[in-house]
C-alpha atoms as a PDB file:
ATOM      1  CA  UNK A   1       0.000   0.000   0.000  1.00  0.00           C
ATOM      2  CA  UNK A   2       1.421   3.410  -0.875  1.00  0.00           C
ATOM      3  CA  UNK A   3       1.453   6.371   1.524  1.00  0.00           C
ATOM      4  CA  UNK A   4      -1.573   7.988  -0.070  1.00  0.00           C
ATOM      5  CA  UNK A   5      -3.765   4.910   0.198  1.00  0.00           C
ATOM      6  CA  UNK A   6      -2.470   4.226   3.735  1.00  0.00           C
ATOM      7  CA  UNK A   7      -3.424   7.759   4.770  1.00  0.00           C
ATOM      8  CA  UNK A   8      -6.874   7.300   3.251  1.00  0.00           C
ATOM      9  CA  UNK A   9      -7.292   3.980   5.063  1.00  0.00           C
ATOM     10  CA  UNK A  10      -6.182   5.535   8.352  1.00  0.00           C
ATOM     11  CA  UNK A  11      -8.694   8.339   7.829  1.00  0.00           C
ATOM     12  CA  UNK A  12     -11.459   5.826   7.257  1.00  0.00           C
ATOM     13  CA  UNK A  13     -10.503   3.896  10.388  1.00  0.00           C
ATOM     14  CA  UNK A  14     -10.411   7.132  12.401  1.00  0.00           C
ATOM     15  CA  UNK A  15     -13.934   7.988  11.245  1.00  0.00           C
ATOM     16  CA  UNK A  16     -15.178   4.557  12.321  1.00  0.00           C
ATOM     17  CA  UNK A  17     -13.366   4.933  15.660  1.00  0.00           C
ATOM     18  CA  UNK A  18     -14.995   8.319  16.263  1.00  0.00           C
ATOM     19  CA  UNK A  19     -18.436   6.935  15.371  1.00  0.00           C
ATOM     20  CA  UNK A  20     -17.989   4.115  17.891  1.00  0.00           C
ATOM     21  CA  UNK A  21     -16.807   6.608  20.503  1.00  0.00           C
ATOM     22  CA  UNK A  22     -20.008   8.603  20.019  1.00  0.00           C
ATOM     23  CA  UNK A  23     -22.164   5.471  20.076  1.00  0.00           C
ATOM     24  CA  UNK A  24     -20.549   4.361  23.331  1.00  0.00           C
ATOM     25  CA  UNK A  25     -21.043   7.800  24.875  1.00  0.00           C
ATOM     26  CA  UNK A  26     -24.708   7.790  23.852  1.00  0.00           C
ATOM     27  CA  UNK A  27     -25.238   4.374  25.434  1.00  0.00           C
ATOM     28  CA  UNK A  28     -23.449   5.427  28.608  1.00  0.00           C
ATOM     29  CA  UNK A  29     -25.644   8.502  28.896  1.00  0.00           C
ATOM     30  CA  UNK A  30     -28.719   6.255  28.966  1.00  0.00           C
ATOM     31  CA  UNK A  31     -27.402   4.725  32.216  1.00  0.00           C
ATOM     32  CA  UNK A  32     -29.285   1.500  31.430  1.00  0.00           C
ATOM     33  CA  UNK A  33     -27.693  -0.494  28.629  1.00  0.00           C
ATOM     34  CA  UNK A  34     -26.756  -4.014  27.672  1.00  0.00           C
ATOM     35  CA  UNK A  35     -23.322  -4.798  29.126  1.00  0.00           C
ATOM     36  CA  UNK A  36     -22.582  -7.314  26.378  1.00  0.00           C
ATOM     37  CA  UNK A  37     -23.354  -4.733  23.702  1.00  0.00           C
ATOM     38  CA  UNK A  38     -21.194  -2.141  25.451  1.00  0.00           C
ATOM     39  CA  UNK A  39     -18.304  -4.599  25.755  1.00  0.00           C
ATOM     40  CA  UNK A  40     -18.551  -5.502  22.078  1.00  0.00           C
ATOM     41  CA  UNK A  41     -18.500  -1.832  21.053  1.00  0.00           C
ATOM     42  CA  UNK A  42     -15.496  -1.123  23.263  1.00  0.00           C
ATOM     43  CA  UNK A  43     -13.636  -4.130  21.815  1.00  0.00           C
ATOM     44  CA  UNK A  44     -14.336  -2.895  18.282  1.00  0.00           C
ATOM     45  CA  UNK A  45     -13.135   0.591  19.219  1.00  0.00           C
ATOM     46  CA  UNK A  46      -9.926  -0.815  20.710  1.00  0.00           C
ATOM     47  CA  UNK A  47      -9.353  -2.994  17.645  1.00  0.00           C
ATOM     48  CA  UNK A  48      -9.713   0.059  15.401  1.00  0.00           C
ATOM     49  CA  UNK A  49      -7.280   2.018  17.571  1.00  0.00           C
ATOM     50  CA  UNK A  50      -4.754  -0.824  17.291  1.00  0.00           C
ATOM     51  CA  UNK A  51      -5.173  -0.917  13.511  1.00  0.00           C
ATOM     52  CA  UNK A  52      -4.710   2.844  13.247  1.00  0.00           C
ATOM     53  CA  UNK A  53      -1.499   2.649  15.279  1.00  0.00           C
ATOM     54  CA  UNK A  54      -0.223  -0.241  13.147  1.00  0.00           C
ATOM     55  CA  UNK A  55      -0.710   1.722   9.929  1.00  0.00           C
ATOM     56  CA  UNK A  56       0.740   4.905  11.409  1.00  0.00           C
ATOM     57  CA  UNK A  57       3.829   2.912  12.384  1.00  0.00           C
ATOM     58  CA  UNK A  58       4.112   1.713   8.793  1.00  0.00           C
ATOM     59  CA  UNK A  59       4.091   5.354   7.709  1.00  0.00           C
ATOM     60  CA  UNK A  60       6.636   6.261  10.356  1.00  0.00           C
ATOM     61  CA  UNK A  61       4.207   8.549  12.215  1.00  0.00           C
ATOM     62  CA  UNK A  62       4.886   7.261  15.732  1.00  0.00           C
END
């Protein structure tokens, strides 16, 4: 993958990460939510963060 497509992919992952962050915040504000659903969302968010860091490392953006 070239730098341009890596940057585009990172941008896409960051958008997904932000959307999950907002979804989690909305669920938390309800105070009553499904713990399993919340855990799954947080795992997805963490996975996206790990992917973003992996691609940034490939670009040398520590």
